[in-house]
Amino acid sequence: MLSVRNLQSAYGASQVLFDIGLDIAEGEVVTLLGRNGMGKTTTVRSIMGLLAPKGGDISFDGRPVRGIAPEKIARCGIGLVPEGRQVFPTLSVRENLVATAANRLKRSSPWTLERVYALFPRLQERAGQSARTLSGGEQQMLAVGRALMTNPKLLILDEATEGLAPVIRAEIWGCIEALKAQGQSILLIDKNINVLKRIADRHYIIEKGRTVWSGSSADLAANAELVHRYVGV
């Protein structure tokens, strides 16, 4: 579904990505791992067209998407839950959800308000509240729901549970597992390795803007030294 090859990106004269490669097949949950500052968010921004890559190839569903506008990439079927959530603060919960709603891929069972509320009952309770009044965990639920309302083929979550209370983290992980069970393709960035090993099918580790390892959850679990070297604090 998503194929990234030799991706290179920079902010002005400062190059951040030198050689990123990854693949995501339909129905897979894949993670992007690495310490802070290694290029994970820059990789996501490059995939989404929010940062114009300097080199390499990005294709989605067999179509080259490197260099096209972010809104066109989103319309291809990629939904982003950005780092920091970035919900529309002055809009209500319901308005945030319907603002992005679309079924461009003509799915027979699209995401609707009712389906999002079933996944996150708390959002239905807060439907009339402005997003700025929500807790961090509720805002993250809203950001996920907003992305799902675009009916994406691929959902990208950048720092899925960062800064959230343990009970909210567990709720978010439960929802991600439910999405996986429904066949949703997901690219995950998070620091909770133990949970990621349980949920994800495959993993990529990046170090200083390069993909340095890829493998299954079983491979990752069997290589504690690798995790400590590239991901541990």
Protein backbone atom coordinates (compact mmCIF):
# COMPACT_ATOMS: atom_id res chain seq x y z
CA MET A 1 0.00 0.00 0.00
CA LEU A 2 2.69 2.50 1.07
CA SER A 3 6.22 2.24 -0.27
CA VAL A 4 9.05 4.60 0.71
CA ARG A 5 12.49 4.28 -0.87
CA ASN A 6 15.70 6.24 -0.20
CA LEU A 7 13.75 9.16 1.27
CA GLN A 8 15.81 12.29 1.87
CA SER A 9 14.47 15.48 3.44
CA ALA A 10 15.83 18.69 4.93
CA TYR A 11 14.78 21.85 6.69
CA GLY A 12 16.63 24.48 4.71
CA ALA A 13 20.33 23.62 4.74
CA SER A 14 19.90 21.11 7.58
CA GLN A 15 19.38 17.62 6.20
CA VAL A 16 17.44 15.33 8.54
CA LEU A 17 16.58 12.27 6.43
CA PHE A 18 19.31 10.55 4.43
CA ASP A 19 17.96 7.12 3.50
CA ILE A 20 14.54 6.10 4.84
CA GLY A 21 12.85 3.02 3.47
CA LEU A 22 9.66 1.29 4.61
CA ASP A 23 6.65 -0.63 3.34
CA ILE A 24 3.13 -1.06 4.68
CA ALA A 25 0.78 -3.65 3.22
CA GLU A 26 -3.00 -3.53 3.41
CA GLY A 27 -4.25 -4.46 6.89
CA GLU A 28 -0.82 -4.19 8.53
CA VAL A 29 0.11 -2.28 11.66
CA VAL A 30 3.68 -1.05 11.32
CA THR A 31 5.75 1.06 13.71
CA LEU A 32 8.49 3.61 13.21
CA LEU A 33 10.87 3.50 16.17
CA GLY A 34 13.86 5.54 17.26
CA ARG A 35 15.01 8.06 19.82
CA ASN A 36 13.85 11.67 19.76
CA GLY A 37 15.42 13.69 16.96
CA MET A 38 16.15 10.72 14.70
CA GLY A 39 13.65 11.78 12.01
CA LYS A 40 10.38 9.97 12.76
CA THR A 41 8.11 13.02 12.54
CA THR A 42 10.08 14.35 9.57
CA THR A 43 9.41 11.04 7.82
CA VAL A 44 5.68 11.43 8.48
CA ARG A 45 5.72 15.05 7.29
CA SER A 46 7.54 13.99 4.13
CA ILE A 47 5.05 11.20 3.41
CA MET A 48 2.15 13.62 3.88
CA GLY A 49 3.68 16.31 1.67
CA LEU A 50 3.96 18.77 4.56
CA LEU A 51 7.71 18.83 3.87
CA ALA A 52 8.98 18.52 0.30
CA PRO A 53 11.54 15.68 0.09
CA LYS A 54 14.90 16.33 -1.54
CA GLY A 55 15.12 12.83 -2.99
CA GLY A 56 13.79 9.30 -3.01
CA ASP A 57 10.42 7.83 -3.92
CA ILE A 58 7.06 7.63 -2.14
CA SER A 59 4.16 5.71 -3.63
CA PHE A 60 0.71 4.95 -2.27
CA ASP A 61 -1.52 2.32 -3.84
CA GLY A 62 0.92 2.15 -6.74
CA ARG A 63 0.72 5.90 -7.41
CA PRO A 64 3.76 8.20 -6.96
CA VAL A 65 2.88 10.83 -4.37
CA ARG A 66 6.23 12.45 -3.62
CA GLY A 67 6.04 16.18 -4.19
CA ILE A 68 2.27 16.54 -4.57
CA ALA A 69 0.21 18.82 -2.33
CA PRO A 70 -0.73 17.57 1.18
CA GLU A 71 -4.47 17.81 0.51
CA LYS A 72 -4.11 15.64 -2.59
CA ILE A 73 -2.14 13.04 -0.61
CA ALA A 74 -4.88 13.04 2.04
CA ARG A 75 -7.49 12.53 -0.67
CA CYS A 76 -5.60 9.46 -1.87
CA GLY A 77 -6.59 7.84 1.43
CA ILE A 78 -4.04 8.73 4.12
CA GLY A 79 -5.35 10.07 7.45
CA LEU A 80 -2.93 11.75 9.86
CA VAL A 81 -3.16 12.10 13.64
CA PRO A 82 -0.32 14.60 14.10
CA GLU A 83 2.00 14.96 17.03
CA GLY A 84 0.37 17.38 19.46
CA ARG A 85 -3.14 16.44 18.22
CA GLN A 86 -3.83 19.86 16.59
CA VAL A 87 -7.62 19.72 16.89
CA PHE A 88 -9.59 22.84 15.93
CA PRO A 89 -9.86 24.49 19.36
CA THR A 90 -12.79 26.83 18.71
CA LEU A 91 -14.98 24.16 17.09
CA SER A 92 -17.12 21.73 19.04
CA VAL A 93 -16.29 18.02 19.15
CA ARG A 94 -19.02 17.30 16.62
CA GLU A 95 -17.87 20.14 14.34
CA ASN A 96 -14.28 18.84 14.44
CA LEU A 97 -15.51 15.44 13.29
CA VAL A 98 -17.82 16.56 10.49
CA ALA A 99 -15.36 19.21 9.23
CA THR A 100 -13.18 16.53 7.64
CA ALA A 101 -15.84 13.91 6.88
CA ALA A 102 -15.60 12.37 3.41
CA ASN A 103 -16.05 9.01 1.75
CA ARG A 104 -14.03 9.62 -1.41
CA LEU A 105 -13.16 5.93 -1.74
CA LYS A 106 -16.89 5.03 -1.72
CA ARG A 107 -16.66 2.53 1.14
CA SER A 108 -19.77 0.49 1.72
CA SER A 109 -19.49 0.93 5.51
CA PRO A 110 -17.89 4.34 5.98
CA TRP A 111 -16.92 5.96 9.24
CA THR A 112 -19.76 8.09 10.57
CA LEU A 113 -20.41 10.08 13.73
CA GLU A 114 -22.20 7.05 15.15
CA ARG A 115 -19.23 4.74 14.50
CA VAL A 116 -16.75 7.21 15.99
CA TYR A 117 -18.97 7.69 19.05
CA ALA A 118 -19.17 3.91 19.44
CA LEU A 119 -15.36 3.73 19.38
CA PHE A 120 -14.97 6.72 21.73
CA PRO A 121 -18.16 7.08 23.86
CA ARG A 122 -16.61 10.02 25.69
CA LEU A 123 -16.71 12.08 22.50
CA GLN A 124 -20.46 11.65 22.28
CA GLU A 125 -20.76 12.89 25.87
CA ARG A 126 -18.68 15.96 24.91
CA ALA A 127 -20.21 16.47 21.45
CA GLY A 128 -21.30 20.06 22.07
CA GLN A 129 -18.16 21.19 23.92
CA SER A 130 -15.42 23.19 22.23
CA ALA A 131 -12.29 21.13 21.66
CA ARG A 132 -10.19 23.47 23.78
CA THR A 133 -12.10 22.38 26.89
CA LEU A 134 -11.21 18.70 26.47
CA SER A 135 -8.49 16.90 28.38
CA GLY A 136 -5.37 15.82 26.50
CA GLY A 137 -6.66 12.28 26.25
CA GLU A 138 -10.02 13.41 24.94
CA GLN A 139 -8.30 15.62 22.38
CA GLN A 140 -6.29 12.61 21.22
CA MET A 141 -9.50 10.59 20.84
CA LEU A 142 -10.95 13.49 18.85
CA ALA A 143 -7.86 13.67 16.62
CA VAL A 144 -8.14 9.93 15.88
CA GLY A 145 -11.88 10.23 15.25
CA ARG A 146 -11.36 13.22 12.95
CA ALA A 147 -8.83 11.25 10.89
CA LEU A 148 -11.15 8.23 10.71
CA MET A 149 -13.96 10.44 9.41
CA THR A 150 -11.90 10.88 6.22
CA ASN A 151 -12.26 7.09 5.75
CA PRO A 152 -8.55 6.54 5.18
CA LYS A 153 -6.93 3.44 3.74
CA LEU A 154 -3.89 4.21 5.90
CA LEU A 155 -4.02 5.85 9.34
CA ILE A 156 -0.81 7.46 10.64
CA LEU A 157 -0.51 8.19 14.38
CA ASP A 158 2.49 10.30 15.37
CA GLU A 159 3.16 9.87 19.12
CA ALA A 160 -0.07 7.99 19.70
CA THR A 161 -0.08 8.18 23.52
CA GLU A 162 2.55 10.77 24.42
CA GLY A 163 1.80 12.68 27.61
CA LEU A 164 -1.39 10.79 28.40
CA ALA A 165 -2.41 9.29 31.73
CA PRO A 166 -2.02 5.49 31.95
CA VAL A 167 -5.78 4.85 31.97
CA ILE A 168 -6.26 6.97 28.83
CA ARG A 169 -3.25 5.32 27.20
CA ALA A 170 -4.85 1.94 27.75
CA GLU A 171 -8.08 3.19 26.16
CA ILE A 172 -6.22 4.49 23.08
CA TRP A 173 -4.35 1.19 22.70
CA GLY A 174 -7.62 -0.70 22.97
CA CYS A 175 -9.11 1.40 20.19
CA ILE A 176 -6.04 0.85 17.99
CA GLU A 177 -6.39 -2.90 18.52
CA ALA A 178 -10.06 -2.65 17.56
CA LEU A 179 -9.11 -0.79 14.38
CA LYS A 180 -6.55 -3.47 13.55
CA ALA A 181 -9.19 -6.16 14.01
CA GLN A 182 -11.31 -4.29 11.47
CA GLY A 183 -8.46 -4.44 8.94
CA GLN A 184 -7.33 -0.82 9.20
CA SER A 185 -3.76 -0.25 7.98
CA ILE A 186 -1.83 1.81 10.53
CA LEU A 187 1.60 3.43 10.83
CA LEU A 188 2.37 4.02 14.52
CA ILE A 189 4.96 6.14 16.28
CA ASP A 190 5.16 5.70 20.05
CA LYS A 191 7.66 4.96 22.79
CA ASN A 192 5.82 2.11 24.53
CA ILE A 193 7.79 -0.78 23.04
CA ASN A 194 6.05 -3.52 25.03
CA VAL A 195 2.62 -2.53 23.75
CA LEU A 196 3.90 -1.99 20.21
CA LYS A 197 5.40 -5.49 20.16
CA ARG A 198 1.99 -6.87 21.05
CA ILE A 199 -0.07 -4.82 18.62
CA ALA A 200 2.13 -4.32 15.55
CA ASP A 201 2.99 -6.75 12.79
CA ARG A 202 6.33 -5.23 11.82
CA HIS A 203 8.74 -2.52 12.95
CA TYR A 204 11.28 -0.13 11.43
CA ILE A 205 14.03 1.52 13.46
CA ILE A 206 15.60 4.74 12.26
CA GLU A 207 18.85 6.30 13.46
CA LYS A 208 20.04 9.73 12.36
CA GLY A 209 17.73 9.81 9.37
CA ARG A 210 18.41 6.29 8.11
CA THR A 211 16.48 3.03 8.37
CA VAL A 212 18.87 0.76 10.25
CA TRP A 213 16.66 -2.26 11.03
CA SER A 214 13.33 -3.84 10.19
CA GLY A 215 11.65 -6.99 11.42
CA SER A 216 8.66 -8.64 13.05
CA SER A 217 7.51 -8.30 16.65
CA ALA A 218 9.07 -11.67 17.37
CA ASP A 219 12.39 -10.45 15.95
CA LEU A 220 12.20 -7.30 18.06
CA ALA A 221 11.33 -9.23 21.23
CA ALA A 222 14.29 -11.53 20.68
CA ASN A 223 16.78 -8.68 20.39
CA ALA A 224 16.81 -6.65 23.60
CA GLU A 225 20.27 -5.26 22.81
CA LEU A 226 18.95 -3.79 19.57
CA VAL A 227 16.12 -2.01 21.38
CA HIS A 228 18.49 -0.65 24.01
CA ARG A 229 20.95 0.55 21.37
CA TYR A 230 18.52 2.39 19.11
CA VAL A 231 15.39 3.07 21.14
CA GLY A 232 16.25 2.99 24.86
CA VAL A 233 17.00 6.11 26.86
